[in-house]
Amino acid sequence: MLRKYVQVDENNIAVCVCLVEGEVDAPVPVIPHDNPETVEIGTKWDGSNWVQTEELVRSKRDKLLVEQVDVVAGNALRWASLSSDEQASWSAYRTALLNVPQQDDFPLNVSWPTR
């Protein structure tokens, strides 16, 4: 029988998915789960739900800044080729991403800005 778990760290933060055939003697903390593949690594088990952590949300935000914004705003030639309206749009998007942690329901309920 295939047993499905989510391995967690000492703070109940999801570390990885564990699929084990047969009996389990878990040497690491695990939480049984019917669909562990649906659990986002970095979320925290609060006893009844998987919830986003500050670290996870900040990591997502930082990835967006690096992969989307910095390649444009951090490149002087690309930035100079944009119109003032396009520059303002990129600046507003960057500011909105930086302000994600100041949202009222952060980190549990984040409204992600769009460019």
C-alpha atoms as a PDB file:
ATOM      1  CA  MET A   1       0.000   0.000   0.000  1.00  0.00           C
ATOM      2  CA  LEU A   2       1.337   3.422  -0.982  1.00  0.00           C
ATOM      3  CA  ARG A   3       1.401   5.841   1.951  1.00  0.00           C
ATOM      4  CA  LYS A   4       1.547   9.561   1.291  1.00  0.00           C
ATOM      5  CA  TYR A   5       3.106  12.149   3.573  1.00  0.00           C
ATOM      6  CA  VAL A   6       4.492  15.642   3.685  1.00  0.00           C
ATOM      7  CA  GLN A   7       7.815  15.839   5.502  1.00  0.00           C
ATOM      8  CA  VAL A   8       8.007  18.879   7.782  1.00  0.00           C
ATOM      9  CA  ASP A   9      10.753  20.543   9.779  1.00  0.00           C
ATOM     10  CA  GLU A  10      10.682  21.305  13.498  1.00  0.00           C
ATOM     11  CA  ASN A  11       8.342  24.277  12.831  1.00  0.00           C
ATOM     12  CA  ASN A  12       5.876  22.220  10.732  1.00  0.00           C
ATOM     13  CA  ILE A  13       7.085  23.839   7.511  1.00  0.00           C
ATOM     14  CA  ALA A  14       6.683  21.561   4.474  1.00  0.00           C
ATOM     15  CA  VAL A  15      10.060  20.303   3.296  1.00  0.00           C
ATOM     16  CA  CYS A  16       9.224  17.621   0.732  1.00  0.00           C
ATOM     17  CA  VAL A  17       6.695  15.026  -0.421  1.00  0.00           C
ATOM     18  CA  CYS A  18       7.164  11.448   0.778  1.00  0.00           C
ATOM     19  CA  LEU A  19       5.575   8.506  -1.019  1.00  0.00           C
ATOM     20  CA  VAL A  20       6.333   5.257   0.788  1.00  0.00           C
ATOM     21  CA  GLU A  21       5.378   1.708  -0.147  1.00  0.00           C
ATOM     22  CA  GLY A  22       4.466  -0.559   2.765  1.00  0.00           C
ATOM     23  CA  GLU A  23       4.874   0.052   6.493  1.00  0.00           C
ATOM     24  CA  VAL A  24       6.391   3.309   7.633  1.00  0.00           C
ATOM     25  CA  ASP A  25       8.692   3.968  10.551  1.00  0.00           C
ATOM     26  CA  ALA A  26       9.241   7.647   9.969  1.00  0.00           C
ATOM     27  CA  PRO A  27      12.595   8.832  11.371  1.00  0.00           C
ATOM     28  CA  VAL A  28      11.620  12.397  10.442  1.00  0.00           C
ATOM     29  CA  PRO A  29       8.443  14.340  11.205  1.00  0.00           C
ATOM     30  CA  VAL A  30       5.755  13.708   8.604  1.00  0.00           C
ATOM     31  CA  ILE A  31       2.086  14.578   8.185  1.00  0.00           C
ATOM     32  CA  PRO A  32      -0.173  12.103   6.356  1.00  0.00           C
ATOM     33  CA  HIS A  33      -1.807  13.639   3.294  1.00  0.00           C
ATOM     34  CA  ASP A  34      -4.041  12.222   0.536  1.00  0.00           C
ATOM     35  CA  ASN A  35      -2.478  14.494  -2.117  1.00  0.00           C
ATOM     36  CA  PRO A  36       0.914  15.649  -0.829  1.00  0.00           C
ATOM     37  CA  GLU A  37       1.835  16.843  -4.329  1.00  0.00           C
ATOM     38  CA  THR A  38      -0.637  19.698  -3.848  1.00  0.00           C
ATOM     39  CA  VAL A  39       1.154  21.022  -0.760  1.00  0.00           C
ATOM     40  CA  GLU A  40       3.441  23.928  -1.572  1.00  0.00           C
ATOM     41  CA  ILE A  41       6.917  23.453  -0.145  1.00  0.00           C
ATOM     42  CA  GLY A  42       7.495  26.213   2.417  1.00  0.00           C
ATOM     43  CA  THR A  43       3.912  26.372   3.694  1.00  0.00           C
ATOM     44  CA  LYS A  44       3.214  25.682   7.369  1.00  0.00           C
ATOM     45  CA  TRP A  45       0.834  23.105   8.837  1.00  0.00           C
ATOM     46  CA  ASP A  46      -1.256  24.924  11.476  1.00  0.00           C
ATOM     47  CA  GLY A  47      -3.007  21.769  12.644  1.00  0.00           C
ATOM     48  CA  SER A  48      -5.816  21.877  10.107  1.00  0.00           C
ATOM     49  CA  ASN A  49      -4.555  23.787   7.032  1.00  0.00           C
ATOM     50  CA  TRP A  50      -1.406  24.545   5.082  1.00  0.00           C
ATOM     51  CA  VAL A  51      -0.774  28.307   5.351  1.00  0.00           C
ATOM     52  CA  GLN A  52       1.749  30.581   3.695  1.00  0.00           C
ATOM     53  CA  THR A  53       4.654  31.801   5.781  1.00  0.00           C
ATOM     54  CA  GLU A  54       6.294  35.208   5.646  1.00  0.00           C
ATOM     55  CA  GLU A  55       9.457  33.594   4.321  1.00  0.00           C
ATOM     56  CA  LEU A  56       7.583  31.859   1.496  1.00  0.00           C
ATOM     57  CA  VAL A  57       5.734  34.992   0.395  1.00  0.00           C
ATOM     58  CA  ARG A  58       8.877  37.135   0.580  1.00  0.00           C
ATOM     59  CA  SER A  59      10.711  34.502  -1.462  1.00  0.00           C
ATOM     60  CA  LYS A  60       7.995  34.585  -4.154  1.00  0.00           C
ATOM     61  CA  ARG A  61       8.092  38.378  -4.156  1.00  0.00           C
ATOM     62  CA  ASP A  62      11.883  38.467  -4.401  1.00  0.00           C
ATOM     63  CA  LYS A  63      11.806  36.004  -7.297  1.00  0.00           C
ATOM     64  CA  LEU A  64       9.389  38.271  -9.186  1.00  0.00           C
ATOM     65  CA  LEU A  65      11.634  41.272  -8.542  1.00  0.00           C
ATOM     66  CA  VAL A  66      14.738  39.477  -9.797  1.00  0.00           C
ATOM     67  CA  GLU A  67      13.183  37.664 -12.778  1.00  0.00           C
ATOM     68  CA  GLN A  68      10.752  40.314 -14.025  1.00  0.00           C
ATOM     69  CA  VAL A  69      11.652  43.765 -12.735  1.00  0.00           C
ATOM     70  CA  ASP A  70      15.422  43.813 -12.330  1.00  0.00           C
ATOM     71  CA  VAL A  71      16.057  42.583 -15.875  1.00  0.00           C
ATOM     72  CA  VAL A  72      14.364  45.744 -17.126  1.00  0.00           C
ATOM     73  CA  ALA A  73      14.803  48.373 -14.412  1.00  0.00           C
ATOM     74  CA  GLY A  74      18.334  47.235 -13.593  1.00  0.00           C
ATOM     75  CA  ASN A  75      19.503  47.396 -17.195  1.00  0.00           C
ATOM     76  CA  ALA A  76      20.363  50.979 -18.117  1.00  0.00           C
ATOM     77  CA  LEU A  77      20.015  50.396 -21.870  1.00  0.00           C
ATOM     78  CA  ARG A  78      16.621  48.691 -21.582  1.00  0.00           C
ATOM     79  CA  TRP A  79      15.391  51.304 -19.104  1.00  0.00           C
ATOM     80  CA  ALA A  80      16.475  54.175 -21.356  1.00  0.00           C
ATOM     81  CA  SER A  81      14.624  52.630 -24.308  1.00  0.00           C
ATOM     82  CA  LEU A  82      11.282  52.771 -22.443  1.00  0.00           C
ATOM     83  CA  SER A  83       8.871  55.661 -22.681  1.00  0.00           C
ATOM     84  CA  SER A  84       8.199  57.653 -19.514  1.00  0.00           C
ATOM     85  CA  ASP A  85       4.794  55.933 -19.211  1.00  0.00           C
ATOM     86  CA  GLU A  86       6.437  52.495 -19.441  1.00  0.00           C
ATOM     87  CA  GLN A  87       9.035  53.507 -16.854  1.00  0.00           C
ATOM     88  CA  ALA A  88       6.268  54.727 -14.540  1.00  0.00           C
ATOM     89  CA  SER A  89       4.423  51.434 -14.991  1.00  0.00           C
ATOM     90  CA  TRP A  90       7.531  49.398 -14.119  1.00  0.00           C
ATOM     91  CA  SER A  91       8.248  51.643 -11.140  1.00  0.00           C
ATOM     92  CA  ALA A  92       4.693  51.271  -9.846  1.00  0.00           C
ATOM     93  CA  TYR A  93       4.866  47.476 -10.240  1.00  0.00           C
ATOM     94  CA  ARG A  94       8.195  47.340  -8.406  1.00  0.00           C
ATOM     95  CA  THR A  95       6.849  49.489  -5.585  1.00  0.00           C
ATOM     96  CA  ALA A  96       3.704  47.350  -5.298  1.00  0.00           C
ATOM     97  CA  LEU A  97       5.853  44.199  -5.044  1.00  0.00           C
ATOM     98  CA  LEU A  98       8.029  45.795  -2.383  1.00  0.00           C
ATOM     99  CA  ASN A  99       4.878  46.754  -0.443  1.00  0.00           C
ATOM    100  CA  VAL A 100       3.428  43.200  -0.390  1.00  0.00           C
ATOM    101  CA  PRO A 101       4.541  42.650   3.256  1.00  0.00           C
ATOM    102  CA  GLN A 102       2.591  45.757   4.311  1.00  0.00           C
ATOM    103  CA  GLN A 103      -0.743  44.311   3.148  1.00  0.00           C
ATOM    104  CA  ASP A 104      -3.310  43.844   5.916  1.00  0.00           C
ATOM    105  CA  ASP A 105      -3.590  40.044   5.714  1.00  0.00           C
ATOM    106  CA  PHE A 106       0.098  39.377   4.994  1.00  0.00           C
ATOM    107  CA  PRO A 107       1.230  36.594   4.705  1.00  0.00           C
ATOM    108  CA  LEU A 108      -2.002  34.603   4.790  1.00  0.00           C
ATOM    109  CA  ASN A 109      -3.922  36.441   2.099  1.00  0.00           C
ATOM    110  CA  VAL A 110      -1.764  38.280  -0.426  1.00  0.00           C
ATOM    111  CA  SER A 111      -3.057  40.308  -3.359  1.00  0.00           C
ATOM    112  CA  TRP A 112      -0.306  40.005  -5.931  1.00  0.00           C
ATOM    113  CA  PRO A 113       0.173  43.117  -8.071  1.00  0.00           C
ATOM    114  CA  THR A 114       0.162  42.878 -11.828  1.00  0.00           C
ATOM    115  CA  ARG A 115       2.331  44.827 -14.190  1.00  0.00           C
END
